[in-house]
Amino acid sequence: MTLEENKALYEVSFPICGLGNRMSEQLERPLSYSGYGLPSLIFMFKLWYKTNEGCGFWTSIYDLYLNNHTISEEQIMKVFIEYNIVPFSFSRA
């Protein structure tokens, strides 16, 4: 997949609270996605400590998707609140 295809995949796969947009904006190179589901897309996303949100945020998001088949906006919002991150604001500073 190309970088643009990867970005589109993240945007479509994680629409809740702009998660996919956050991921898409921070992708630096194409990923080789083998189709193991949403948790693997999060796992492959990037070195989490290099992201704007930090390792703890993405670990919590990963755990949500790993342990649930249906994720709600409320669950995602709790993670944003826990890490004091503004939802829907995903532009790089």
PDB file of N, CA and C in Angstrom:
ATOM      1  N   MET A   1       0.830  -1.184   0.000  1.00  0.00           N
ATOM      2  CA  MET A   1       0.000   0.000   0.000  1.00  0.00           C
ATOM      3  C   MET A   1       0.876   1.250   0.000  1.00  0.00           C
ATOM      4  N   THR A   2       0.377   2.273  -0.636  1.00  0.00           N
ATOM      5  CA  THR A   2       1.085   3.547  -0.620  1.00  0.00           C
ATOM      6  C   THR A   2       0.775   4.288   0.677  1.00  0.00           C
ATOM      7  N   LEU A   3       1.523   5.334   0.924  1.00  0.00           N
ATOM      8  CA  LEU A   3       1.283   6.148   2.110  1.00  0.00           C
ATOM      9  C   LEU A   3      -0.131   6.722   2.077  1.00  0.00           C
ATOM     10  N   GLU A   4      -0.571   7.199   0.931  1.00  0.00           N
ATOM     11  CA  GLU A   4      -1.921   7.764   0.818  1.00  0.00           C
ATOM     12  C   GLU A   4      -2.991   6.700   1.058  1.00  0.00           C
ATOM     13  N   GLU A   5      -2.769   5.484   0.580  1.00  0.00           N
ATOM     14  CA  GLU A   5      -3.719   4.389   0.829  1.00  0.00           C
ATOM     15  C   GLU A   5      -3.765   4.048   2.316  1.00  0.00           C
ATOM     16  N   ASN A   6      -2.600   4.042   2.965  1.00  0.00           N
ATOM     17  CA  ASN A   6      -2.558   3.802   4.412  1.00  0.00           C
ATOM     18  C   ASN A   6      -3.318   4.878   5.164  1.00  0.00           C
ATOM     19  N   LYS A   7      -3.109   6.124   4.790  1.00  0.00           N
ATOM     20  CA  LYS A   7      -3.798   7.230   5.455  1.00  0.00           C
ATOM     21  C   LYS A   7      -5.304   7.078   5.319  1.00  0.00           C
ATOM     22  N   ALA A   8      -5.757   6.748   4.119  1.00  0.00           N
ATOM     23  CA  ALA A   8      -7.195   6.561   3.888  1.00  0.00           C
ATOM     24  C   ALA A   8      -7.728   5.392   4.711  1.00  0.00           C
ATOM     25  N   LEU A   9      -6.955   4.314   4.824  1.00  0.00           N
ATOM     26  CA  LEU A   9      -7.362   3.151   5.612  1.00  0.00           C
ATOM     27  C   LEU A   9      -7.562   3.532   7.077  1.00  0.00           C
ATOM     28  N   TYR A  10      -6.656   4.308   7.637  1.00  0.00           N
ATOM     29  CA  TYR A  10      -6.793   4.742   9.031  1.00  0.00           C
ATOM     30  C   TYR A  10      -8.001   5.650   9.217  1.00  0.00           C
ATOM     31  N   GLU A  11      -8.204   6.574   8.294  1.00  0.00           N
ATOM     32  CA  GLU A  11      -9.335   7.498   8.410  1.00  0.00           C
ATOM     33  C   GLU A  11     -10.667   6.756   8.385  1.00  0.00           C
ATOM     34  N   VAL A  12     -10.773   5.739   7.538  1.00  0.00           N
ATOM     35  CA  VAL A  12     -12.012   4.958   7.430  1.00  0.00           C
ATOM     36  C   VAL A  12     -12.161   3.989   8.600  1.00  0.00           C
ATOM     37  N   SER A  13     -11.072   3.409   9.053  1.00  0.00           N
ATOM     38  CA  SER A  13     -11.122   2.382  10.097  1.00  0.00           C
ATOM     39  C   SER A  13     -11.382   2.936  11.495  1.00  0.00           C
ATOM     40  N   PHE A  14     -11.005   4.180  11.736  1.00  0.00           N
ATOM     41  CA  PHE A  14     -11.129   4.772  13.071  1.00  0.00           C
ATOM     42  C   PHE A  14     -11.817   6.135  13.005  1.00  0.00           C
ATOM     43  N   PRO A  15     -13.106   6.150  12.664  1.00  0.00           N
ATOM     44  CA  PRO A  15     -13.804   7.431  12.509  1.00  0.00           C
ATOM     45  C   PRO A  15     -14.184   8.107  13.833  1.00  0.00           C
ATOM     46  N   ILE A  16     -14.271   7.336  14.911  1.00  0.00           N
ATOM     47  CA  ILE A  16     -14.756   7.882  16.183  1.00  0.00           C
ATOM     48  C   ILE A  16     -13.785   8.934  16.719  1.00  0.00           C
ATOM     49  N   CYS A  17     -14.308  10.099  17.014  1.00  0.00           N
ATOM     50  CA  CYS A  17     -13.556  11.201  17.637  1.00  0.00           C
ATOM     51  C   CYS A  17     -12.310  11.610  16.851  1.00  0.00           C
ATOM     52  N   GLY A  18     -12.277  11.342  15.577  1.00  0.00           N
ATOM     53  CA  GLY A  18     -11.142  11.755  14.758  1.00  0.00           C
ATOM     54  C   GLY A  18      -9.875  10.943  14.955  1.00  0.00           C
ATOM     55  N   LEU A  19      -9.974   9.750  15.550  1.00  0.00           N
ATOM     56  CA  LEU A  19      -8.773   8.929  15.775  1.00  0.00           C
ATOM     57  C   LEU A  19      -8.031   8.654  14.475  1.00  0.00           C
ATOM     58  N   GLY A  20      -8.776   8.276  13.445  1.00  0.00           N
ATOM     59  CA  GLY A  20      -8.156   7.968  12.155  1.00  0.00           C
ATOM     60  C   GLY A  20      -7.446   9.163  11.553  1.00  0.00           C
ATOM     61  N   ASN A  21      -8.015  10.340  11.743  1.00  0.00           N
ATOM     62  CA  ASN A  21      -7.359  11.552  11.248  1.00  0.00           C
ATOM     63  C   ASN A  21      -6.059  11.813  11.995  1.00  0.00           C
ATOM     64  N   ARG A  22      -6.068  11.595  13.310  1.00  0.00           N
ATOM     65  CA  ARG A  22      -4.841  11.757  14.100  1.00  0.00           C
ATOM     66  C   ARG A  22      -3.763  10.813  13.583  1.00  0.00           C
ATOM     67  N   MET A  23      -4.141   9.567  13.363  1.00  0.00           N
ATOM     68  CA  MET A  23      -3.180   8.576  12.893  1.00  0.00           C
ATOM     69  C   MET A  23      -2.682   8.938  11.497  1.00  0.00           C
ATOM     70  N   SER A  24      -3.614   9.274  10.631  1.00  0.00           N
ATOM     71  CA  SER A  24      -3.281   9.600   9.251  1.00  0.00           C
ATOM     72  C   SER A  24      -2.286  10.754   9.165  1.00  0.00           C
ATOM     73  N   GLU A  25      -2.505  11.782   9.950  1.00  0.00           N
ATOM     74  CA  GLU A  25      -1.621  12.949   9.909  1.00  0.00           C
ATOM     75  C   GLU A  25      -0.216  12.643  10.409  1.00  0.00           C
ATOM     76  N   GLN A  26      -0.066  11.600  11.216  1.00  0.00           N
ATOM     77  CA  GLN A  26       1.240  11.295  11.795  1.00  0.00           C
ATOM     78  C   GLN A  26       1.973  10.158  11.086  1.00  0.00           C
ATOM     79  N   LEU A  27       1.344   9.546  10.090  1.00  0.00           N
ATOM     80  CA  LEU A  27       2.036   8.502   9.333  1.00  0.00           C
ATOM     81  C   LEU A  27       3.169   9.127   8.535  1.00  0.00           C
ATOM     82  N   GLU A  28       4.317   8.508   8.581  1.00  0.00           N
ATOM     83  CA  GLU A  28       5.478   9.038   7.869  1.00  0.00           C
ATOM     84  C   GLU A  28       5.899   8.157   6.707  1.00  0.00           C
ATOM     85  N   ARG A  29       5.476   6.915   6.727  1.00  0.00           N
ATOM     86  CA  ARG A  29       5.847   5.983   5.653  1.00  0.00           C
ATOM     87  C   ARG A  29       4.755   4.940   5.516  1.00  0.00           C
ATOM     88  N   PRO A  30       4.676   4.310   4.349  1.00  0.00           N
ATOM     89  CA  PRO A  30       3.667   3.258   4.174  1.00  0.00           C
ATOM     90  C   PRO A  30       3.925   2.084   5.117  1.00  0.00           C
ATOM     91  N   LEU A  31       2.862   1.447   5.544  1.00  0.00           N
ATOM     92  CA  LEU A  31       2.953   0.275   6.410  1.00  0.00           C
ATOM     93  C   LEU A  31       2.550  -0.957   5.622  1.00  0.00           C
ATOM     94  N   SER A  32       3.093  -2.087   5.983  1.00  0.00           N
ATOM     95  CA  SER A  32       2.663  -3.327   5.343  1.00  0.00           C
ATOM     96  C   SER A  32       1.605  -3.958   6.238  1.00  0.00           C
ATOM     97  N   TYR A  33       0.367  -3.702   5.909  1.00  0.00           N
ATOM     98  CA  TYR A  33      -0.768  -4.187   6.700  1.00  0.00           C
ATOM     99  C   TYR A  33      -1.177  -5.558   6.199  1.00  0.00           C
ATOM    100  N   SER A  34      -1.246  -6.523   7.102  1.00  0.00           N
ATOM    101  CA  SER A  34      -1.562  -7.887   6.702  1.00  0.00           C
ATOM    102  C   SER A  34      -2.996  -8.291   7.007  1.00  0.00           C
ATOM    103  N   GLY A  35      -3.812  -7.364   7.484  1.00  0.00           N
ATOM    104  CA  GLY A  35      -5.226  -7.646   7.646  1.00  0.00           C
ATOM    105  C   GLY A  35      -5.631  -8.367   8.912  1.00  0.00           C
ATOM    106  N   TYR A  36      -4.967  -8.107  10.025  1.00  0.00           N
ATOM    107  CA  TYR A  36      -5.311  -8.776  11.273  1.00  0.00           C
ATOM    108  C   TYR A  36      -6.290  -7.996  12.131  1.00  0.00           C
ATOM    109  N   GLY A  37      -6.969  -7.035  11.566  1.00  0.00           N
ATOM    110  CA  GLY A  37      -7.993  -6.305  12.297  1.00  0.00           C
ATOM    111  C   GLY A  37      -7.516  -4.971  12.834  1.00  0.00           C
ATOM    112  N   LEU A  38      -8.450  -4.273  13.469  1.00  0.00           N
ATOM    113  CA  LEU A  38      -8.174  -2.923  13.955  1.00  0.00           C
ATOM    114  C   LEU A  38      -7.070  -2.854  15.006  1.00  0.00           C
ATOM    115  N   PRO A  39      -7.006  -3.785  15.975  1.00  0.00           N
ATOM    116  CA  PRO A  39      -5.897  -3.698  16.935  1.00  0.00           C
ATOM    117  C   PRO A  39      -4.523  -3.734  16.261  1.00  0.00           C
ATOM    118  N   SER A  40      -4.379  -4.539  15.204  1.00  0.00           N
ATOM    119  CA  SER A  40      -3.072  -4.592  14.544  1.00  0.00           C
ATOM    120  C   SER A  40      -2.767  -3.293  13.816  1.00  0.00           C
ATOM    121  N   LEU A  41      -3.790  -2.614  13.304  1.00  0.00           N
ATOM    122  CA  LEU A  41      -3.567  -1.304  12.683  1.00  0.00           C
ATOM    123  C   LEU A  41      -3.056  -0.303  13.710  1.00  0.00           C
ATOM    124  N   ILE A  42      -3.593  -0.355  14.914  1.00  0.00           N
ATOM    125  CA  ILE A  42      -3.122   0.539  15.973  1.00  0.00           C
ATOM    126  C   ILE A  42      -1.700   0.158  16.372  1.00  0.00           C
ATOM    127  N   PHE A  43      -1.449  -1.134  16.520  1.00  0.00           N
ATOM    128  CA  PHE A  43      -0.134  -1.616  16.937  1.00  0.00           C
ATOM    129  C   PHE A  43       0.943  -1.199  15.937  1.00  0.00           C
ATOM    130  N   MET A  44       0.633  -1.293  14.640  1.00  0.00           N
ATOM    131  CA  MET A  44       1.602  -0.974  13.595  1.00  0.00           C
ATOM    132  C   MET A  44       1.737   0.521  13.347  1.00  0.00           C
ATOM    133  N   PHE A  45       0.827   1.311  13.892  1.00  0.00           N
ATOM    134  CA  PHE A  45       0.717   2.732  13.586  1.00  0.00           C
ATOM    135  C   PHE A  45       2.042   3.471  13.620  1.00  0.00           C
ATOM    136  N   LYS A  46       2.795   3.352  14.684  1.00  0.00           N
ATOM    137  CA  LYS A  46       4.017   4.140  14.818  1.00  0.00           C
ATOM    138  C   LYS A  46       4.667   3.802  16.151  1.00  0.00           C
ATOM    139  N   LEU A  47       5.853   4.281  16.352  1.00  0.00           N
ATOM    140  CA  LEU A  47       6.420   4.217  17.693  1.00  0.00           C
ATOM    141  C   LEU A  47       5.614   5.195  18.531  1.00  0.00           C
ATOM    142  N   TRP A  48       4.797   4.681  19.389  1.00  0.00           N
ATOM    143  CA  TRP A  48       3.813   5.491  20.089  1.00  0.00           C
ATOM    144  C   TRP A  48       4.406   6.662  20.849  1.00  0.00           C
ATOM    145  N   TYR A  49       5.604   6.491  21.401  1.00  0.00           N
ATOM    146  CA  TYR A  49       6.194   7.578  22.180  1.00  0.00           C
ATOM    147  C   TYR A  49       6.570   8.769  21.296  1.00  0.00           C
ATOM    148  N   LYS A  50       6.614   8.559  19.983  1.00  0.00           N
ATOM    149  CA  LYS A  50       6.934   9.655  19.065  1.00  0.00           C
ATOM    150  C   LYS A  50       5.689  10.394  18.580  1.00  0.00           C
ATOM    151  N   THR A  51       4.521   9.955  18.982  1.00  0.00           N
ATOM    152  CA  THR A  51       3.294  10.607  18.532  1.00  0.00           C
ATOM    153  C   THR A  51       2.993  11.837  19.368  1.00  0.00           C
ATOM    154  N   ASN A  52       2.093  12.657  18.862  1.00  0.00           N
ATOM    155  CA  ASN A  52       1.663  13.844  19.599  1.00  0.00           C
ATOM    156  C   ASN A  52       0.964  13.463  20.900  1.00  0.00           C
ATOM    157  N   GLU A  53       0.288  12.313  20.916  1.00  0.00           N
ATOM    158  CA  GLU A  53      -0.531  11.917  22.062  1.00  0.00           C
ATOM    159  C   GLU A  53       0.231  11.123  23.116  1.00  0.00           C
ATOM    160  N   GLY A  54       1.286  10.457  22.744  1.00  0.00           N
ATOM    161  CA  GLY A  54       2.087   9.696  23.689  1.00  0.00           C
ATOM    162  C   GLY A  54       1.681   8.237  23.815  1.00  0.00           C
ATOM    163  N   CYS A  55       2.559   7.482  24.410  1.00  0.00           N
ATOM    164  CA  CYS A  55       2.423   6.033  24.524  1.00  0.00           C
ATOM    165  C   CYS A  55       1.210   5.610  25.350  1.00  0.00           C
ATOM    166  N   GLY A  56       0.970   6.262  26.466  1.00  0.00           N
ATOM    167  CA  GLY A  56      -0.148   5.876  27.329  1.00  0.00           C
ATOM    168  C   GLY A  56      -1.485   5.994  26.633  1.00  0.00           C
ATOM    169  N   PHE A  57      -1.673   7.067  25.882  1.00  0.00           N
ATOM    170  CA  PHE A  57      -2.919   7.278  25.143  1.00  0.00           C
ATOM    171  C   PHE A  57      -3.156   6.133  24.162  1.00  0.00           C
ATOM    172  N   TRP A  58      -2.152   5.838  23.335  1.00  0.00           N
ATOM    173  CA  TRP A  58      -2.338   4.804  22.310  1.00  0.00           C
ATOM    174  C   TRP A  58      -2.424   3.405  22.909  1.00  0.00           C
ATOM    175  N   THR A  59      -1.766   3.171  24.030  1.00  0.00           N
ATOM    176  CA  THR A  59      -1.908   1.883  24.709  1.00  0.00           C
ATOM    177  C   THR A  59      -3.351   1.700  25.165  1.00  0.00           C
ATOM    178  N   SER A  60      -3.944   2.748  25.714  1.00  0.00           N
ATOM    179  CA  SER A  60      -5.344   2.677  26.155  1.00  0.00           C
ATOM    180  C   SER A  60      -6.289   2.465  24.980  1.00  0.00           C
ATOM    181  N   ILE A  61      -6.044   3.149  23.870  1.00  0.00           N
ATOM    182  CA  ILE A  61      -6.877   2.978  22.672  1.00  0.00           C
ATOM    183  C   ILE A  61      -6.726   1.551  22.143  1.00  0.00           C
ATOM    184  N   TYR A  62      -5.493   1.073  22.074  1.00  0.00           N
ATOM    185  CA  TYR A  62      -5.228  -0.293  21.613  1.00  0.00           C
ATOM    186  C   TYR A  62      -5.977  -1.305  22.479  1.00  0.00           C
ATOM    187  N   ASP A  63      -5.900  -1.138  23.793  1.00  0.00           N
ATOM    188  CA  ASP A  63      -6.580  -2.055  24.710  1.00  0.00           C
ATOM    189  C   ASP A  63      -8.090  -2.042  24.498  1.00  0.00           C
ATOM    190  N   LEU A  64      -8.657  -0.870  24.245  1.00  0.00           N
ATOM    191  CA  LEU A  64     -10.097  -0.787  23.965  1.00  0.00           C
ATOM    192  C   LEU A  64     -10.469  -1.628  22.754  1.00  0.00           C
ATOM    193  N   TYR A  65      -9.739  -1.455  21.674  1.00  0.00           N
ATOM    194  CA  TYR A  65     -10.052  -2.179  20.441  1.00  0.00           C
ATOM    195  C   TYR A  65      -9.711  -3.661  20.548  1.00  0.00           C
ATOM    196  N   LEU A  66      -8.717  -3.998  21.335  1.00  0.00           N
ATOM    197  CA  LEU A  66      -8.325  -5.396  21.495  1.00  0.00           C
ATOM    198  C   LEU A  66      -9.382  -6.182  22.262  1.00  0.00           C
ATOM    199  N   ASN A  67     -10.014  -5.539  23.226  1.00  0.00           N
ATOM    200  CA  ASN A  67     -10.934  -6.237  24.118  1.00  0.00           C
ATOM    201  C   ASN A  67     -12.408  -6.031  23.817  1.00  0.00           C
ATOM    202  N   ASN A  68     -12.742  -5.261  22.795  1.00  0.00           N
ATOM    203  CA  ASN A  68     -14.141  -4.977  22.481  1.00  0.00           C
ATOM    204  C   ASN A  68     -14.400  -5.098  20.989  1.00  0.00           C
ATOM    205  N   HIS A  69     -15.576  -5.582  20.664  1.00  0.00           N
ATOM    206  CA  HIS A  69     -15.969  -5.645  19.256  1.00  0.00           C
ATOM    207  C   HIS A  69     -16.671  -4.368  18.830  1.00  0.00           C
ATOM    208  N   THR A  70     -17.292  -3.696  19.767  1.00  0.00           N
ATOM    209  CA  THR A  70     -17.999  -2.457  19.475  1.00  0.00           C
ATOM    210  C   THR A  70     -17.463  -1.367  20.391  1.00  0.00           C
ATOM    211  N   ILE A  71     -16.874  -0.355  19.800  1.00  0.00           N
ATOM    212  CA  ILE A  71     -16.314   0.756  20.560  1.00  0.00           C
ATOM    213  C   ILE A  71     -17.256   1.940  20.440  1.00  0.00           C
ATOM    214  N   SER A  72     -17.535   2.586  21.565  1.00  0.00           N
ATOM    215  CA  SER A  72     -18.429   3.746  21.545  1.00  0.00           C
ATOM    216  C   SER A  72     -17.622   5.042  21.628  1.00  0.00           C
ATOM    217  N   GLU A  73     -18.256   6.115  21.208  1.00  0.00           N
ATOM    218  CA  GLU A  73     -17.628   7.429  21.321  1.00  0.00           C
ATOM    219  C   GLU A  73     -17.342   7.751  22.786  1.00  0.00           C
ATOM    220  N   GLU A  74     -18.230   7.331  23.672  1.00  0.00           N
ATOM    221  CA  GLU A  74     -18.042   7.578  25.104  1.00  0.00           C
ATOM    222  C   GLU A  74     -16.761   6.918  25.619  1.00  0.00           C
ATOM    223  N   GLN A  75     -16.495   5.689  25.189  1.00  0.00           N
ATOM    224  CA  GLN A  75     -15.280   4.996  25.620  1.00  0.00           C
ATOM    225  C   GLN A  75     -14.029   5.741  25.145  1.00  0.00           C
ATOM    226  N   ILE A  76     -14.059   6.174  23.898  1.00  0.00           N
ATOM    227  CA  ILE A  76     -12.921   6.903  23.343  1.00  0.00           C
ATOM    228  C   ILE A  76     -12.747   8.243  24.059  1.00  0.00           C
ATOM    229  N   MET A  77     -13.859   8.921  24.321  1.00  0.00           N
ATOM    230  CA  MET A  77     -13.799  10.217  25.002  1.00  0.00           C
ATOM    231  C   MET A  77     -13.168  10.087  26.385  1.00  0.00           C
ATOM    232  N   LYS A  78     -13.439   8.987  27.079  1.00  0.00           N
ATOM    233  CA  LYS A  78     -12.841   8.769  28.401  1.00  0.00           C
ATOM    234  C   LYS A  78     -11.319   8.727  28.313  1.00  0.00           C
ATOM    235  N   VAL A  79     -10.802   8.143  27.240  1.00  0.00           N
ATOM    236  CA  VAL A  79      -9.350   8.087  27.061  1.00  0.00           C
ATOM    237  C   VAL A  79      -8.804   9.493  26.798  1.00  0.00           C
ATOM    238  N   PHE A  80      -9.493  10.256  25.957  1.00  0.00           N
ATOM    239  CA  PHE A  80      -9.066  11.640  25.715  1.00  0.00           C
ATOM    240  C   PHE A  80      -9.018  12.424  27.026  1.00  0.00           C
ATOM    241  N   ILE A  81     -10.055  12.283  27.827  1.00  0.00           N
ATOM    242  CA  ILE A  81     -10.135  12.999  29.101  1.00  0.00           C
ATOM    243  C   ILE A  81      -9.029  12.539  30.048  1.00  0.00           C
ATOM    244  N   GLU A  82      -8.822  11.224  30.114  1.00  0.00           N
ATOM    245  CA  GLU A  82      -7.788  10.672  30.997  1.00  0.00           C
ATOM    246  C   GLU A  82      -6.410  11.256  30.694  1.00  0.00           C
ATOM    247  N   TYR A  83      -6.124  11.475  29.415  1.00  0.00           N
ATOM    248  CA  TYR A  83      -4.808  11.981  29.016  1.00  0.00           C
ATOM    249  C   TYR A  83      -4.816  13.475  28.700  1.00  0.00           C
ATOM    250  N   ASN A  84      -5.931  14.137  29.045  1.00  0.00           N
ATOM    251  CA  ASN A  84      -6.047  15.587  28.867  1.00  0.00           C
ATOM    252  C   ASN A  84      -5.729  16.019  27.429  1.00  0.00           C
ATOM    253  N   ILE A  85      -6.319  15.300  26.467  1.00  0.00           N
ATOM    254  CA  ILE A  85      -6.143  15.594  25.049  1.00  0.00           C
ATOM    255  C   ILE A  85      -7.469  16.090  24.500  1.00  0.00           C
ATOM    256  N   VAL A  86      -7.413  17.136  23.705  1.00  0.00           N
ATOM    257  CA  VAL A  86      -8.622  17.705  23.123  1.00  0.00           C
ATOM    258  C   VAL A  86      -9.058  16.841  21.942  1.00  0.00           C
ATOM    259  N   PRO A  87     -10.275  16.257  22.002  1.00  0.00           N
ATOM    260  CA  PRO A  87     -10.754  15.461  20.876  1.00  0.00           C
ATOM    261  C   PRO A  87     -11.006  16.345  19.661  1.00  0.00           C
ATOM    262  N   PHE A  88     -10.915  15.762  18.514  1.00  0.00           N
ATOM    263  CA  PHE A  88     -11.184  16.409  17.228  1.00  0.00           C
ATOM    264  C   PHE A  88     -10.146  17.458  16.865  1.00  0.00           C
ATOM    265  N   SER A  89      -9.191  17.703  17.712  1.00  0.00           N
ATOM    266  CA  SER A  89      -8.109  18.634  17.390  1.00  0.00           C
ATOM    267  C   SER A  89      -6.879  17.796  17.085  1.00  0.00           C
ATOM    268  N   PHE A  90      -6.627  17.558  15.797  1.00  0.00           N
ATOM    269  CA  PHE A  90      -5.564  16.626  15.462  1.00  0.00           C
ATOM    270  C   PHE A  90      -4.498  17.219  14.565  1.00  0.00           C
ATOM    271  N   SER A  91      -4.445  18.520  14.438  1.00  0.00           N
ATOM    272  CA  SER A  91      -3.388  19.130  13.636  1.00  0.00           C
ATOM    273  C   SER A  91      -2.092  19.152  14.427  1.00  0.00           C
ATOM    274  N   ARG A  92      -1.014  18.914  13.724  1.00  0.00           N
ATOM    275  CA  ARG A  92       0.295  18.953  14.372  1.00  0.00           C
ATOM    276  C   ARG A  92       0.624  20.369  14.797  1.00  0.00           C
ATOM    277  N   ALA A  93       1.247  20.455  15.924  1.00  0.00           N
ATOM    278  CA  ALA A  93       1.640  21.776  16.447  1.00  0.00           C
ATOM    279  C   ALA A  93       2.962  22.209  15.864  1.00  0.00           C
TER     280      ALA A  93
END
